[in-house]
Amino acid sequence: MKVNTNVLKLFFLAISLSIVLSSCSSDDDSSSTPALEAWEIQVNQLRTITSQYADITVATDEGRIDVSGYVPNMGHHYLNPALTDGTFDIDNPEIILYVPDENGVMQMVAVEYSIVPEDPENPGNPPEGFEGDEDEWHFNEMVGMWQLHVWTVLENPDGVFAPFNPAIGD
């Protein structure tokens, strides 16, 4: 009986490949990295978009002003008044937060969205922000705005959307 060696090689290659592929696919693959949530992808994109503000002169040249002075567990709030309206724009946070380092040089630590509701006396529901329900909007009655902190640079042990960061001192 004459056997075509090319067909035989192809047959063994197919069997070997199916064995390798079946051993690679497993429902209990603990070594794989879990997929990022949609909001995590958005936060990573925000980090990239706002990385230019690591240099505070970029913020001040853009017209951002310190509207708060130093706030414990937050830092200085540099607001761009031109962005303050009733719209959430993920790529353009109204506020960049800075904390002075040991030499007094301002270091970017986070961004903040500050959204004006139609009726500040009756603000209704928080704005639609990041995908999912992880973001923690809070209504600041003193300024009449919905606010959302996103700790894009300085890690916050309380979470990326927590309003206060214990890593920043009093």
Protein backbone atom coordinates (compact mmCIF):
# COMPACT_ATOMS: atom_id res chain seq x y z
CA MET A 1 0.00 0.00 0.00
CA LYS A 2 1.39 3.32 -1.06
CA VAL A 3 0.86 6.23 1.36
CA ASN A 4 1.23 9.83 0.28
CA THR A 5 3.68 11.30 2.79
CA ASN A 6 2.33 14.83 2.36
CA VAL A 7 -1.17 13.67 3.35
CA LEU A 8 0.28 11.78 6.30
CA LYS A 9 2.25 14.85 7.46
CA LEU A 10 -0.86 17.00 7.15
CA PHE A 11 -2.86 14.47 9.16
CA PHE A 12 -0.32 14.41 12.02
CA LEU A 13 -0.04 18.21 11.93
CA ALA A 14 -3.81 18.54 12.26
CA ILE A 15 -3.93 16.11 15.19
CA SER A 16 -1.01 17.84 16.92
CA LEU A 17 -2.59 21.24 16.42
CA SER A 18 -5.94 20.10 17.81
CA ILE A 19 -4.22 18.66 20.90
CA VAL A 20 -2.31 21.89 21.49
CA LEU A 21 -5.42 24.04 21.00
CA SER A 22 -7.57 21.90 23.29
CA SER A 23 -4.96 22.05 26.04
CA CYS A 24 -4.79 25.86 25.75
CA SER A 25 -8.50 26.49 26.12
CA SER A 26 -9.80 26.04 29.61
CA ASP A 27 -12.81 27.49 31.39
CA ASP A 28 -10.75 27.75 34.58
CA ASP A 29 -7.76 29.68 33.25
CA SER A 30 -6.62 31.59 36.34
CA SER A 31 -3.49 32.85 34.61
CA SER A 32 -5.39 35.08 32.18
CA THR A 33 -5.84 38.77 32.91
CA PRO A 34 -9.48 39.74 33.44
CA ALA A 35 -10.95 42.10 30.87
CA LEU A 36 -11.13 45.73 31.90
CA GLU A 37 -14.53 47.20 32.66
CA ALA A 38 -15.73 49.94 30.27
CA TRP A 39 -15.24 52.63 32.94
CA GLU A 40 -11.64 51.46 33.51
CA ILE A 41 -10.92 51.84 29.81
CA GLN A 42 -12.44 55.33 29.92
CA VAL A 43 -10.30 56.28 32.95
CA ASN A 44 -7.17 55.05 31.16
CA GLN A 45 -8.08 57.16 28.12
CA LEU A 46 -8.69 60.13 30.42
CA ARG A 47 -5.22 59.67 31.92
CA THR A 48 -3.72 59.92 28.46
CA ILE A 49 -5.83 62.91 27.43
CA THR A 50 -5.07 64.89 30.60
CA SER A 51 -1.40 63.94 30.95
CA GLN A 52 -0.46 67.33 29.46
CA TYR A 53 -1.61 68.96 32.72
CA ALA A 54 1.27 67.38 34.63
CA ASP A 55 2.86 70.72 33.80
CA ILE A 56 0.74 73.27 35.68
CA THR A 57 1.72 76.00 33.22
CA VAL A 58 -0.36 74.18 30.60
CA ALA A 59 -3.36 74.57 32.90
CA THR A 60 -2.72 78.21 33.75
CA ASP A 61 -1.92 79.13 30.12
CA GLU A 62 -5.28 77.62 29.22
CA GLY A 63 -6.97 80.00 31.68
CA ARG A 64 -7.41 77.65 34.63
CA ILE A 65 -7.45 79.39 38.00
CA ASP A 66 -7.15 78.13 41.58
CA VAL A 67 -10.71 78.46 42.89
CA SER A 68 -10.27 76.73 46.23
CA GLY A 69 -6.84 77.17 47.74
CA TYR A 70 -5.59 74.02 49.45
CA VAL A 71 -8.40 71.64 50.43
CA PRO A 72 -7.39 68.77 52.77
CA ASN A 73 -7.51 65.34 51.15
CA MET A 74 -8.05 66.96 47.72
CA GLY A 75 -5.55 69.70 46.90
CA HIS A 76 -5.93 72.88 44.83
CA HIS A 77 -8.79 73.02 42.32
CA TYR A 78 -7.78 74.66 39.03
CA LEU A 79 -10.98 75.46 37.15
CA ASN A 80 -11.39 76.36 33.50
CA PRO A 81 -14.44 78.68 33.67
CA ALA A 82 -15.04 78.28 29.93
CA LEU A 83 -15.87 74.59 30.47
CA THR A 84 -18.36 75.15 33.29
CA ASP A 85 -21.81 74.32 31.97
CA GLY A 86 -24.45 71.62 32.25
CA THR A 87 -22.63 69.10 30.07
CA PHE A 88 -20.44 66.13 31.00
CA ASP A 89 -17.59 65.91 28.50
CA ILE A 90 -15.29 63.04 29.47
CA ASP A 91 -12.37 64.51 27.51
CA ASN A 92 -12.62 67.97 29.11
CA PRO A 93 -12.84 67.94 32.91
CA GLU A 94 -13.64 71.35 34.32
CA ILE A 95 -11.09 71.07 37.13
CA ILE A 96 -7.53 69.76 37.48
CA LEU A 97 -6.36 69.04 41.05
CA TYR A 98 -2.82 69.79 42.17
CA VAL A 99 -0.89 69.23 45.39
CA PRO A 100 2.44 70.93 46.15
CA ASP A 101 5.39 68.59 46.59
CA GLU A 102 8.08 69.07 49.28
CA ASN A 103 9.61 71.88 47.17
CA GLY A 104 6.29 73.66 46.60
CA VAL A 105 6.04 72.52 42.97
CA MET A 106 2.46 71.73 42.03
CA GLN A 107 1.91 68.08 41.08
CA MET A 108 -1.21 66.96 39.25
CA VAL A 109 -3.11 64.33 41.25
CA ALA A 110 -6.62 64.13 39.78
CA VAL A 111 -9.32 65.69 37.66
CA GLU A 112 -12.80 66.73 38.64
CA TYR A 113 -15.98 67.21 36.68
CA SER A 114 -18.23 70.01 37.88
CA ILE A 115 -21.63 70.08 36.19
CA VAL A 116 -24.22 72.83 36.68
CA PRO A 117 -27.77 71.41 36.81
CA GLU A 118 -30.68 73.28 35.19
CA ASP A 119 -32.08 74.08 38.64
CA PRO A 120 -29.47 74.03 41.44
CA GLU A 121 -32.28 74.28 44.01
CA ASN A 122 -33.66 70.98 42.69
CA PRO A 123 -30.66 69.26 41.06
CA GLY A 124 -32.41 65.97 40.26
CA ASN A 125 -30.30 62.95 39.40
CA PRO A 126 -26.55 63.09 38.87
CA PRO A 127 -25.28 63.42 35.29
CA GLU A 128 -24.56 60.39 33.17
CA GLY A 129 -20.83 60.02 33.56
CA PHE A 130 -18.59 57.05 33.06
CA GLU A 131 -20.07 53.79 31.81
CA GLY A 132 -21.44 51.56 34.55
CA ASP A 133 -22.31 52.70 38.04
CA GLU A 134 -18.89 52.98 39.69
CA ASP A 135 -18.60 56.77 39.54
CA GLU A 136 -19.55 58.60 42.75
CA TRP A 137 -21.21 61.91 41.88
CA HIS A 138 -22.06 64.21 44.78
CA PHE A 139 -24.00 67.45 44.76
CA ASN A 140 -22.06 70.32 46.29
CA GLU A 141 -24.70 72.67 47.67
CA MET A 142 -22.13 75.42 48.35
CA VAL A 143 -21.37 75.83 44.64
CA GLY A 144 -24.62 74.37 43.23
CA MET A 145 -22.91 71.73 41.08
CA TRP A 146 -22.68 67.99 40.62
CA GLN A 147 -19.07 66.95 41.15
CA LEU A 148 -17.06 63.85 40.35
CA HIS A 149 -13.41 63.30 41.29
CA VAL A 150 -11.29 60.94 39.22
CA TRP A 151 -7.90 60.11 40.77
CA THR A 152 -5.99 59.69 37.52
CA VAL A 153 -2.47 60.26 38.83
CA LEU A 154 -2.32 59.74 42.60
CA GLU A 155 -3.74 56.38 43.61
CA ASN A 156 -6.62 56.65 46.05
CA PRO A 157 -6.99 53.74 48.50
CA ASP A 158 -10.72 54.58 48.72
CA GLY A 159 -11.20 54.17 44.96
CA VAL A 160 -10.61 56.06 41.74
CA PHE A 161 -13.93 57.96 42.04
CA ALA A 162 -13.90 58.70 45.78
CA PRO A 163 -14.25 62.41 46.57
CA PHE A 164 -11.48 62.52 49.19
CA ASN A 165 -8.03 60.94 49.03
CA PRO A 166 -6.43 60.00 52.38
CA ALA A 167 -3.04 59.85 50.64
CA ILE A 168 -3.17 63.67 50.59
CA GLY A 169 -2.61 65.23 53.96
CA ASP A 170 -4.57 67.77 55.90
